[in-house]
Amino acid sequence: MKFPWAILSILSIAALAFGLLLGMKSVRITETEIIDFYADDFVKKMNEKGVSIDRLACYAKVSERFWERMIVICDIDAATFLEYPVGAWGQLLIEKPRLGLREGI
């Protein structure tokens, strides 16, 4: 039986093209654009629940985990916040943002 070099070559070229596109996307998208995207999502969710809040309640911190680029944190009030763990290409790494509570309050 002959090894299917043509199929392997096509799959390799497709993987290379896909990797290059994702690499270009990670270079083009800025941290500000990522924060703005998740801040808009946060404001939309809060408005649906009847809470009036500003986009300035969101900020980001650099993540120390391997697959995370940053964590966007949006403060609901002094004691609670939403966390959006963001990957290298600006994607949300979990199904929905995590609700967090501040310690000591």
N, C-alpha and C. Protein backbone atom coordinates (compact mmCIF):
# COMPACT_ATOMS: atom_id res chain seq x y z
N MET A 1 0.84 -1.19 0.00
CA MET A 1 0.00 0.00 0.00
C MET A 1 0.88 1.25 0.00
N LYS A 2 0.57 2.19 -0.84
CA LYS A 2 1.34 3.41 -1.00
C LYS A 2 0.87 4.46 0.02
N PHE A 3 1.81 5.18 0.64
CA PHE A 3 1.47 6.21 1.62
C PHE A 3 0.81 7.40 0.90
N PRO A 4 -0.28 7.92 1.43
CA PRO A 4 -1.02 9.01 0.75
C PRO A 4 -0.37 10.37 0.96
N TRP A 5 0.72 10.62 0.25
CA TRP A 5 1.45 11.88 0.38
C TRP A 5 0.61 13.08 -0.04
N ALA A 6 -0.22 12.92 -1.03
CA ALA A 6 -1.04 14.05 -1.51
C ALA A 6 -2.00 14.52 -0.43
N ILE A 7 -2.64 13.58 0.26
CA ILE A 7 -3.57 13.95 1.33
C ILE A 7 -2.82 14.61 2.48
N LEU A 8 -1.69 14.05 2.85
CA LEU A 8 -0.87 14.63 3.92
C LEU A 8 -0.40 16.04 3.56
N SER A 9 -0.02 16.23 2.30
CA SER A 9 0.43 17.56 1.85
C SER A 9 -0.70 18.58 1.91
N ILE A 10 -1.88 18.19 1.46
CA ILE A 10 -3.03 19.11 1.48
C ILE A 10 -3.40 19.48 2.91
N LEU A 11 -3.43 18.50 3.81
CA LEU A 11 -3.75 18.78 5.21
C LEU A 11 -2.68 19.66 5.86
N SER A 12 -1.43 19.44 5.52
CA SER A 12 -0.34 20.27 6.07
C SER A 12 -0.44 21.71 5.59
N ILE A 13 -0.74 21.89 4.32
CA ILE A 13 -0.88 23.25 3.77
C ILE A 13 -2.08 23.95 4.40
N ALA A 14 -3.17 23.22 4.58
CA ALA A 14 -4.35 23.81 5.21
C ALA A 14 -4.05 24.22 6.66
N ALA A 15 -3.35 23.37 7.41
CA ALA A 15 -2.98 23.70 8.79
C ALA A 15 -2.04 24.90 8.83
N LEU A 16 -1.10 24.98 7.91
CA LEU A 16 -0.19 26.12 7.85
C LEU A 16 -0.94 27.41 7.55
N ALA A 17 -1.87 27.37 6.59
CA ALA A 17 -2.66 28.56 6.25
C ALA A 17 -3.51 29.00 7.44
N PHE A 18 -4.16 28.05 8.10
CA PHE A 18 -4.98 28.36 9.27
C PHE A 18 -4.13 28.96 10.38
N GLY A 19 -2.96 28.40 10.64
CA GLY A 19 -2.05 28.93 11.66
C GLY A 19 -1.58 30.34 11.33
N LEU A 20 -1.28 30.60 10.07
CA LEU A 20 -0.86 31.94 9.67
C LEU A 20 -1.98 32.96 9.86
N LEU A 21 -3.21 32.57 9.51
CA LEU A 21 -4.34 33.48 9.70
C LEU A 21 -4.55 33.80 11.17
N LEU A 22 -4.47 32.79 12.04
CA LEU A 22 -4.63 33.05 13.47
C LEU A 22 -3.47 33.88 14.02
N GLY A 23 -2.29 33.65 13.52
CA GLY A 23 -1.14 34.45 13.93
C GLY A 23 -1.29 35.91 13.53
N MET A 24 -1.78 36.14 12.31
CA MET A 24 -2.01 37.51 11.87
C MET A 24 -3.10 38.17 12.69
N LYS A 25 -4.13 37.41 13.06
CA LYS A 25 -5.21 37.97 13.87
C LYS A 25 -4.71 38.37 15.25
N SER A 26 -3.85 37.54 15.84
CA SER A 26 -3.35 37.86 17.18
C SER A 26 -2.44 39.08 17.16
N VAL A 27 -1.78 39.34 16.05
CA VAL A 27 -0.93 40.53 15.95
C VAL A 27 -1.77 41.78 15.70
N ARG A 28 -2.84 41.64 14.88
CA ARG A 28 -3.66 42.80 14.51
C ARG A 28 -4.56 43.29 15.63
N ILE A 29 -5.11 42.38 16.42
CA ILE A 29 -6.08 42.78 17.44
C ILE A 29 -5.33 43.34 18.66
N THR A 30 -5.75 44.49 19.11
CA THR A 30 -5.07 45.13 20.24
C THR A 30 -5.79 44.82 21.54
N GLU A 31 -5.10 45.05 22.63
CA GLU A 31 -5.69 44.83 23.94
C GLU A 31 -6.88 45.77 24.17
N THR A 32 -6.78 46.98 23.67
CA THR A 32 -7.87 47.94 23.81
C THR A 32 -9.14 47.45 23.11
N GLU A 33 -8.98 46.89 21.92
CA GLU A 33 -10.14 46.36 21.20
C GLU A 33 -10.77 45.20 21.95
N ILE A 34 -9.95 44.36 22.55
CA ILE A 34 -10.47 43.23 23.33
C ILE A 34 -11.24 43.73 24.55
N ILE A 35 -10.66 44.68 25.26
CA ILE A 35 -11.32 45.22 26.45
C ILE A 35 -12.63 45.89 26.06
N ASP A 36 -12.63 46.67 24.98
CA ASP A 36 -13.85 47.33 24.52
C ASP A 36 -14.94 46.32 24.16
N PHE A 37 -14.56 45.23 23.51
CA PHE A 37 -15.53 44.21 23.12
C PHE A 37 -16.22 43.61 24.35
N TYR A 38 -15.44 43.22 25.35
CA TYR A 38 -16.02 42.60 26.54
C TYR A 38 -16.70 43.63 27.45
N ALA A 39 -16.25 44.88 27.42
CA ALA A 39 -16.94 45.93 28.17
C ALA A 39 -18.33 46.18 27.58
N ASP A 40 -18.43 46.17 26.25
CA ASP A 40 -19.75 46.31 25.60
C ASP A 40 -20.66 45.15 25.96
N ASP A 41 -20.11 43.94 25.99
CA ASP A 41 -20.89 42.77 26.38
C ASP A 41 -21.37 42.89 27.82
N PHE A 42 -20.51 43.37 28.69
CA PHE A 42 -20.85 43.55 30.10
C PHE A 42 -21.98 44.56 30.27
N VAL A 43 -21.86 45.71 29.61
CA VAL A 43 -22.89 46.75 29.70
C VAL A 43 -24.21 46.21 29.17
N LYS A 44 -24.18 45.46 28.07
CA LYS A 44 -25.40 44.88 27.51
C LYS A 44 -26.06 43.92 28.51
N LYS A 45 -25.27 43.06 29.14
CA LYS A 45 -25.82 42.12 30.12
C LYS A 45 -26.41 42.84 31.32
N MET A 46 -25.73 43.88 31.80
CA MET A 46 -26.23 44.61 32.95
C MET A 46 -27.50 45.39 32.60
N ASN A 47 -27.56 45.96 31.39
CA ASN A 47 -28.77 46.68 30.97
C ASN A 47 -29.96 45.74 30.85
N GLU A 48 -29.72 44.49 30.41
CA GLU A 48 -30.80 43.51 30.33
C GLU A 48 -31.36 43.17 31.71
N LYS A 49 -30.51 43.29 32.74
CA LYS A 49 -30.94 43.01 34.11
C LYS A 49 -31.45 44.25 34.81
N GLY A 50 -31.48 45.38 34.12
CA GLY A 50 -32.00 46.61 34.69
C GLY A 50 -30.98 47.40 35.49
N VAL A 51 -29.71 47.10 35.34
CA VAL A 51 -28.65 47.82 36.05
C VAL A 51 -27.97 48.78 35.08
N SER A 52 -27.93 50.05 35.44
CA SER A 52 -27.27 51.04 34.61
C SER A 52 -25.81 51.14 35.04
N ILE A 53 -24.93 50.86 34.11
CA ILE A 53 -23.49 50.85 34.43
C ILE A 53 -22.71 51.37 33.24
N ASP A 54 -21.51 51.86 33.49
CA ASP A 54 -20.66 52.46 32.47
C ASP A 54 -19.58 51.47 32.03
N ARG A 55 -19.10 51.64 30.80
CA ARG A 55 -18.02 50.80 30.28
C ARG A 55 -16.72 51.00 31.05
N LEU A 56 -16.59 52.13 31.74
CA LEU A 56 -15.36 52.41 32.48
C LEU A 56 -15.19 51.50 33.71
N ALA A 57 -16.19 50.69 33.99
CA ALA A 57 -16.09 49.75 35.11
C ALA A 57 -15.22 48.54 34.74
N CYS A 58 -14.78 48.45 33.49
CA CYS A 58 -13.99 47.31 33.03
C CYS A 58 -12.52 47.69 32.84
N TYR A 59 -11.68 46.78 33.20
CA TYR A 59 -10.23 46.91 33.02
C TYR A 59 -9.65 45.53 32.80
N ALA A 60 -8.38 45.44 32.47
CA ALA A 60 -7.76 44.14 32.21
C ALA A 60 -6.48 43.99 32.99
N LYS A 61 -6.14 42.75 33.25
CA LYS A 61 -4.83 42.45 33.84
C LYS A 61 -4.21 41.31 33.03
N VAL A 62 -2.91 41.30 32.98
CA VAL A 62 -2.20 40.27 32.24
C VAL A 62 -2.35 38.95 32.98
N SER A 63 -2.65 37.91 32.22
CA SER A 63 -2.82 36.60 32.83
C SER A 63 -1.49 35.89 32.93
N GLU A 64 -1.35 35.05 33.94
CA GLU A 64 -0.14 34.27 34.12
C GLU A 64 -0.32 32.83 33.67
N ARG A 65 -1.52 32.48 33.22
CA ARG A 65 -1.77 31.14 32.71
C ARG A 65 -1.28 31.02 31.28
N PHE A 66 -0.99 29.80 30.87
CA PHE A 66 -0.37 29.56 29.57
C PHE A 66 -1.25 29.97 28.39
N TRP A 67 -2.52 29.59 28.37
CA TRP A 67 -3.38 29.84 27.22
C TRP A 67 -4.11 31.17 27.28
N GLU A 68 -4.00 31.89 28.39
CA GLU A 68 -4.72 33.16 28.53
C GLU A 68 -3.84 34.34 28.16
N ARG A 69 -4.40 35.24 27.39
CA ARG A 69 -3.70 36.48 27.04
C ARG A 69 -3.89 37.52 28.13
N MET A 70 -5.14 37.62 28.61
CA MET A 70 -5.47 38.59 29.64
C MET A 70 -6.77 38.18 30.30
N ILE A 71 -7.09 38.85 31.40
CA ILE A 71 -8.37 38.68 32.07
C ILE A 71 -9.02 40.05 32.13
N VAL A 72 -10.19 40.18 31.51
CA VAL A 72 -10.94 41.44 31.55
C VAL A 72 -11.86 41.35 32.76
N ILE A 73 -11.76 42.34 33.65
CA ILE A 73 -12.54 42.37 34.88
C ILE A 73 -13.48 43.57 34.82
N CYS A 74 -14.76 43.30 35.05
CA CYS A 74 -15.77 44.35 35.05
C CYS A 74 -16.44 44.39 36.41
N ASP A 75 -16.33 45.51 37.10
CA ASP A 75 -16.88 45.66 38.44
C ASP A 75 -18.38 45.93 38.37
N ILE A 76 -19.15 45.10 39.07
CA ILE A 76 -20.59 45.32 39.18
C ILE A 76 -20.87 46.31 40.30
N ASP A 77 -20.27 46.07 41.44
CA ASP A 77 -20.31 46.99 42.57
C ASP A 77 -19.01 46.77 43.36
N ALA A 78 -18.95 47.29 44.59
CA ALA A 78 -17.72 47.20 45.36
C ALA A 78 -17.35 45.77 45.75
N ALA A 79 -18.33 44.88 45.79
CA ALA A 79 -18.08 43.52 46.27
C ALA A 79 -18.07 42.46 45.17
N THR A 80 -18.68 42.72 44.02
CA THR A 80 -18.78 41.70 42.99
C THR A 80 -18.24 42.19 41.65
N PHE A 81 -17.81 41.24 40.84
CA PHE A 81 -17.27 41.55 39.53
C PHE A 81 -17.45 40.35 38.61
N LEU A 82 -17.32 40.60 37.31
CA LEU A 82 -17.31 39.55 36.30
C LEU A 82 -15.92 39.45 35.72
N GLU A 83 -15.45 38.22 35.51
CA GLU A 83 -14.15 37.99 34.89
C GLU A 83 -14.35 37.33 33.53
N TYR A 84 -13.66 37.86 32.54
CA TYR A 84 -13.65 37.30 31.19
C TYR A 84 -12.23 36.84 30.89
N PRO A 85 -11.91 35.55 31.01
CA PRO A 85 -10.59 35.08 30.60
C PRO A 85 -10.51 35.03 29.07
N VAL A 86 -9.51 35.70 28.51
CA VAL A 86 -9.41 35.89 27.07
C VAL A 86 -8.17 35.17 26.54
N GLY A 87 -8.33 34.47 25.42
CA GLY A 87 -7.24 33.74 24.79
C GLY A 87 -6.41 34.62 23.88
N ALA A 88 -5.47 33.99 23.19
CA ALA A 88 -4.51 34.71 22.35
C ALA A 88 -5.15 35.44 21.18
N TRP A 89 -6.28 34.96 20.69
CA TRP A 89 -6.92 35.57 19.54
C TRP A 89 -8.13 36.40 19.93
N GLY A 90 -8.28 36.70 21.22
CA GLY A 90 -9.39 37.53 21.68
C GLY A 90 -10.64 36.75 22.02
N GLN A 91 -10.56 35.43 21.99
CA GLN A 91 -11.74 34.61 22.25
C GLN A 91 -11.91 34.38 23.75
N LEU A 92 -13.17 34.23 24.16
CA LEU A 92 -13.49 33.91 25.54
C LEU A 92 -13.17 32.43 25.76
N LEU A 93 -12.43 32.12 26.80
CA LEU A 93 -11.96 30.77 27.02
C LEU A 93 -12.94 29.89 27.79
N ILE A 94 -13.99 30.47 28.31
CA ILE A 94 -15.00 29.69 29.03
C ILE A 94 -16.37 30.00 28.42
N GLU A 95 -17.37 29.24 28.82
CA GLU A 95 -18.69 29.39 28.22
C GLU A 95 -19.32 30.75 28.51
N LYS A 96 -19.21 31.20 29.75
CA LYS A 96 -19.74 32.51 30.13
C LYS A 96 -18.82 33.10 31.19
N PRO A 97 -18.86 34.42 31.40
CA PRO A 97 -17.95 35.04 32.36
C PRO A 97 -18.21 34.54 33.78
N ARG A 98 -17.13 34.51 34.58
CA ARG A 98 -17.22 34.07 35.96
C ARG A 98 -17.62 35.23 36.86
N LEU A 99 -18.50 34.95 37.81
CA LEU A 99 -18.88 35.93 38.82
C LEU A 99 -17.93 35.78 39.98
N GLY A 100 -17.34 36.89 40.43
CA GLY A 100 -16.40 36.85 41.54
C GLY A 100 -16.81 37.76 42.68
N LEU A 101 -16.35 37.42 43.87
CA LEU A 101 -16.58 38.22 45.06
C LEU A 101 -15.24 38.69 45.60
N ARG A 102 -15.19 39.94 46.01
CA ARG A 102 -13.97 40.48 46.59
C ARG A 102 -13.83 40.03 48.04
N GLU A 103 -12.63 39.70 48.42
CA GLU A 103 -12.38 39.27 49.79
C GLU A 103 -12.27 40.48 50.71
N GLY A 104 -12.69 40.32 51.94
CA GLY A 104 -12.53 41.35 52.94
C GLY A 104 -13.61 42.40 52.91
N ILE A 105 -14.63 42.22 52.14
CA ILE A 105 -15.73 43.21 52.10
C ILE A 105 -16.95 42.60 52.73
